[in-house]
Amino acid sequence: MSPWFAVFLGGGLGSVARYGISRLFLAFDVRSAFPWATFAANMLSSLLLALLVLKWTQALQGRDALKLFLAVGFCGGFSTFSTFSMENYLLIREGAWVEFLGNTVFSIVAGVIFFVLVARSS
């Protein structure tokens, strides 16, 4: 499979999964100033990327198209830094400083913690 096509396909599926997470949170009527759907997508994507990079490297040896599909494509389409940035802007605009700081700090720290935990479980 072409590397470009692998990234394209993974990105599309990651984007659809990201949309599904948003719809899921709406279906369960999770309404809050805190952007839970974006947080969940970013944390799941961070966990998957940590597993890919730190745990599944041997299993994916020589499977470059699959690595590109999952790491660059799916994780790239599933995680949402642009949405994270926009939602933080909206929190600032609305004066929701606690939620803004919580979202920023919690998202970054939790994402890094996934990598630390996966690395330690090796």
C-alpha atoms as a PDB file:
ATOM      1  CA  MET A   1       0.000   0.000   0.000  1.00  0.00           C
ATOM      2  CA  SER A   2       1.223   3.483  -0.790  1.00  0.00           C
ATOM      3  CA  PRO A   3       2.363   5.447   2.298  1.00  0.00           C
ATOM      4  CA  TRP A   4       0.247   8.399   1.144  1.00  0.00           C
ATOM      5  CA  PHE A   5      -2.840   6.241   0.842  1.00  0.00           C
ATOM      6  CA  ALA A   6      -2.203   4.663   4.262  1.00  0.00           C
ATOM      7  CA  VAL A   7      -2.078   8.117   5.889  1.00  0.00           C
ATOM      8  CA  PHE A   8      -5.118   9.270   3.909  1.00  0.00           C
ATOM      9  CA  LEU A   9      -7.188   6.236   4.904  1.00  0.00           C
ATOM     10  CA  GLY A  10      -6.098   6.337   8.554  1.00  0.00           C
ATOM     11  CA  GLY A  11      -6.762  10.069   8.774  1.00  0.00           C
ATOM     12  CA  GLY A  12     -10.251   9.651   7.378  1.00  0.00           C
ATOM     13  CA  LEU A  13     -11.096   6.863   9.804  1.00  0.00           C
ATOM     14  CA  GLY A  14      -9.566   8.811  12.697  1.00  0.00           C
ATOM     15  CA  SER A  15     -11.678  11.836  11.807  1.00  0.00           C
ATOM     16  CA  VAL A  16     -14.829   9.720  11.667  1.00  0.00           C
ATOM     17  CA  ALA A  17     -13.949   8.214  15.067  1.00  0.00           C
ATOM     18  CA  ARG A  18     -13.414  11.736  16.439  1.00  0.00           C
ATOM     19  CA  TYR A  19     -16.844  12.774  15.168  1.00  0.00           C
ATOM     20  CA  GLY A  20     -18.293   9.634  16.764  1.00  0.00           C
ATOM     21  CA  ILE A  21     -16.810  10.590  20.146  1.00  0.00           C
ATOM     22  CA  SER A  22     -18.473  14.011  19.890  1.00  0.00           C
ATOM     23  CA  ARG A  23     -21.814  12.443  18.986  1.00  0.00           C
ATOM     24  CA  LEU A  24     -21.468   9.946  21.836  1.00  0.00           C
ATOM     25  CA  PHE A  25     -20.986  12.714  24.382  1.00  0.00           C
ATOM     26  CA  LEU A  26     -24.004  14.543  22.950  1.00  0.00           C
ATOM     27  CA  ALA A  27     -26.095  11.346  23.062  1.00  0.00           C
ATOM     28  CA  PHE A  28     -25.333  10.997  26.778  1.00  0.00           C
ATOM     29  CA  ASP A  29     -26.127  14.694  27.220  1.00  0.00           C
ATOM     30  CA  VAL A  30     -22.701  15.513  28.648  1.00  0.00           C
ATOM     31  CA  ARG A  31     -22.937  19.282  28.765  1.00  0.00           C
ATOM     32  CA  SER A  32     -20.324  21.236  30.567  1.00  0.00           C
ATOM     33  CA  ALA A  33     -18.011  24.179  30.034  1.00  0.00           C
ATOM     34  CA  PHE A  34     -15.193  21.617  30.009  1.00  0.00           C
ATOM     35  CA  PRO A  35     -14.691  20.123  26.514  1.00  0.00           C
ATOM     36  CA  TRP A  36     -14.947  16.443  27.478  1.00  0.00           C
ATOM     37  CA  ALA A  37     -15.284  15.018  23.958  1.00  0.00           C
ATOM     38  CA  THR A  38     -12.086  16.687  22.740  1.00  0.00           C
ATOM     39  CA  PHE A  39     -10.292  15.684  25.908  1.00  0.00           C
ATOM     40  CA  ALA A  40     -11.405  12.047  25.488  1.00  0.00           C
ATOM     41  CA  ALA A  41     -10.344  11.931  21.822  1.00  0.00           C
ATOM     42  CA  ASN A  42      -6.957  13.466  22.583  1.00  0.00           C
ATOM     43  CA  MET A  43      -6.307  11.118  25.505  1.00  0.00           C
ATOM     44  CA  LEU A  44      -7.342   8.009  23.562  1.00  0.00           C
ATOM     45  CA  SER A  45      -5.146   9.109  20.674  1.00  0.00           C
ATOM     46  CA  SER A  46      -2.223   9.750  23.040  1.00  0.00           C
ATOM     47  CA  LEU A  47      -2.664   6.312  24.579  1.00  0.00           C
ATOM     48  CA  LEU A  48      -2.796   4.620  21.168  1.00  0.00           C
ATOM     49  CA  LEU A  49       0.278   6.498  19.952  1.00  0.00           C
ATOM     50  CA  ALA A  50       2.144   5.605  23.154  1.00  0.00           C
ATOM     51  CA  LEU A  51       1.299   1.942  22.638  1.00  0.00           C
ATOM     52  CA  LEU A  52       2.376   2.104  18.991  1.00  0.00           C
ATOM     53  CA  VAL A  53       5.667   3.827  19.709  1.00  0.00           C
ATOM     54  CA  LEU A  54       6.614   2.120  22.963  1.00  0.00           C
ATOM     55  CA  LYS A  55       4.975  -1.311  22.999  1.00  0.00           C
ATOM     56  CA  TRP A  56       4.116  -2.470  19.500  1.00  0.00           C
ATOM     57  CA  THR A  57       7.314  -1.420  17.722  1.00  0.00           C
ATOM     58  CA  GLN A  58       8.525  -5.017  17.358  1.00  0.00           C
ATOM     59  CA  ALA A  59       5.130  -6.303  16.229  1.00  0.00           C
ATOM     60  CA  LEU A  60       4.986  -3.610  13.538  1.00  0.00           C
ATOM     61  CA  GLN A  61       8.558  -4.147  12.337  1.00  0.00           C
ATOM     62  CA  GLY A  62       8.595  -3.975   8.530  1.00  0.00           C
ATOM     63  CA  ARG A  63       4.944  -2.947   8.357  1.00  0.00           C
ATOM     64  CA  ASP A  64       5.532   0.670   7.446  1.00  0.00           C
ATOM     65  CA  ALA A  65       2.155   1.223   5.794  1.00  0.00           C
ATOM     66  CA  LEU A  66       0.338  -0.020   8.912  1.00  0.00           C
ATOM     67  CA  LYS A  67       2.472   2.196  11.174  1.00  0.00           C
ATOM     68  CA  LEU A  68       1.710   5.221   8.983  1.00  0.00           C
ATOM     69  CA  PHE A  69      -1.987   4.276   8.861  1.00  0.00           C
ATOM     70  CA  LEU A  70      -2.220   4.093  12.669  1.00  0.00           C
ATOM     71  CA  ALA A  71       0.289   6.651  13.969  1.00  0.00           C
ATOM     72  CA  VAL A  72       0.209   9.440  11.402  1.00  0.00           C
ATOM     73  CA  GLY A  73      -3.207   8.813   9.849  1.00  0.00           C
ATOM     74  CA  PHE A  74      -5.557   7.533  12.539  1.00  0.00           C
ATOM     75  CA  CYS A  75      -3.979   9.265  15.546  1.00  0.00           C
ATOM     76  CA  GLY A  76      -3.535  12.463  13.542  1.00  0.00           C
ATOM     77  CA  GLY A  77      -7.164  12.450  12.423  1.00  0.00           C
ATOM     78  CA  PHE A  78      -8.482  11.370  15.818  1.00  0.00           C
ATOM     79  CA  SER A  79      -6.592  13.853  17.968  1.00  0.00           C
ATOM     80  CA  THR A  80      -7.692  17.422  17.721  1.00  0.00           C
ATOM     81  CA  PHE A  81      -5.186  20.106  18.590  1.00  0.00           C
ATOM     82  CA  SER A  82      -7.032  22.661  16.484  1.00  0.00           C
ATOM     83  CA  THR A  83     -10.307  21.923  18.289  1.00  0.00           C
ATOM     84  CA  PHE A  84      -8.437  21.984  21.620  1.00  0.00           C
ATOM     85  CA  SER A  85      -7.114  25.449  20.730  1.00  0.00           C
ATOM     86  CA  MET A  86     -10.512  26.739  19.596  1.00  0.00           C
ATOM     87  CA  GLU A  87     -12.290  25.436  22.689  1.00  0.00           C
ATOM     88  CA  ASN A  88      -9.657  27.011  24.923  1.00  0.00           C
ATOM     89  CA  TYR A  89     -10.184  30.309  23.099  1.00  0.00           C
ATOM     90  CA  LEU A  90     -13.944  30.017  23.680  1.00  0.00           C
ATOM     91  CA  LEU A  91     -13.365  29.298  27.381  1.00  0.00           C
ATOM     92  CA  ILE A  92     -11.182  32.418  27.658  1.00  0.00           C
ATOM     93  CA  ARG A  93     -13.742  34.497  25.749  1.00  0.00           C
ATOM     94  CA  GLU A  94     -16.483  33.325  28.116  1.00  0.00           C
ATOM     95  CA  GLY A  95     -14.338  34.086  31.151  1.00  0.00           C
ATOM     96  CA  ALA A  96     -14.202  30.411  32.163  1.00  0.00           C
ATOM     97  CA  TRP A  97     -10.624  30.674  33.389  1.00  0.00           C
ATOM     98  CA  VAL A  98     -10.748  27.658  35.699  1.00  0.00           C
ATOM     99  CA  GLU A  99     -11.991  25.430  32.881  1.00  0.00           C
ATOM    100  CA  PHE A 100      -9.405  26.892  30.500  1.00  0.00           C
ATOM    101  CA  LEU A 101      -6.530  26.245  32.890  1.00  0.00           C
ATOM    102  CA  GLY A 102      -7.903  22.821  33.827  1.00  0.00           C
ATOM    103  CA  ASN A 103      -8.283  21.799  30.184  1.00  0.00           C
ATOM    104  CA  THR A 104      -4.828  23.030  29.222  1.00  0.00           C
ATOM    105  CA  VAL A 105      -2.910  21.572  32.148  1.00  0.00           C
ATOM    106  CA  PHE A 106      -4.918  18.363  32.464  1.00  0.00           C
ATOM    107  CA  SER A 107      -4.742  17.602  28.724  1.00  0.00           C
ATOM    108  CA  ILE A 108      -1.001  18.091  28.463  1.00  0.00           C
ATOM    109  CA  VAL A 109      -0.133  16.331  31.718  1.00  0.00           C
ATOM    110  CA  ALA A 110      -2.482  13.393  31.136  1.00  0.00           C
ATOM    111  CA  GLY A 111      -1.209  12.899  27.584  1.00  0.00           C
ATOM    112  CA  VAL A 112       2.398  12.740  28.771  1.00  0.00           C
ATOM    113  CA  ILE A 113       1.426  10.445  31.664  1.00  0.00           C
ATOM    114  CA  PHE A 114       0.099   7.902  29.139  1.00  0.00           C
ATOM    115  CA  PHE A 115       3.536   7.729  27.546  1.00  0.00           C
ATOM    116  CA  VAL A 116       5.224   7.400  30.953  1.00  0.00           C
ATOM    117  CA  LEU A 117       2.858   4.632  32.062  1.00  0.00           C
ATOM    118  CA  VAL A 118       3.204   2.681  28.835  1.00  0.00           C
ATOM    119  CA  ALA A 119       7.004   3.061  28.932  1.00  0.00           C
ATOM    120  CA  ARG A 120       7.142   1.793  32.517  1.00  0.00           C
ATOM    121  CA  SER A 121       4.992  -1.221  31.745  1.00  0.00           C
ATOM    122  CA  SER A 122       7.621  -2.559  29.337  1.00  0.00           C
END
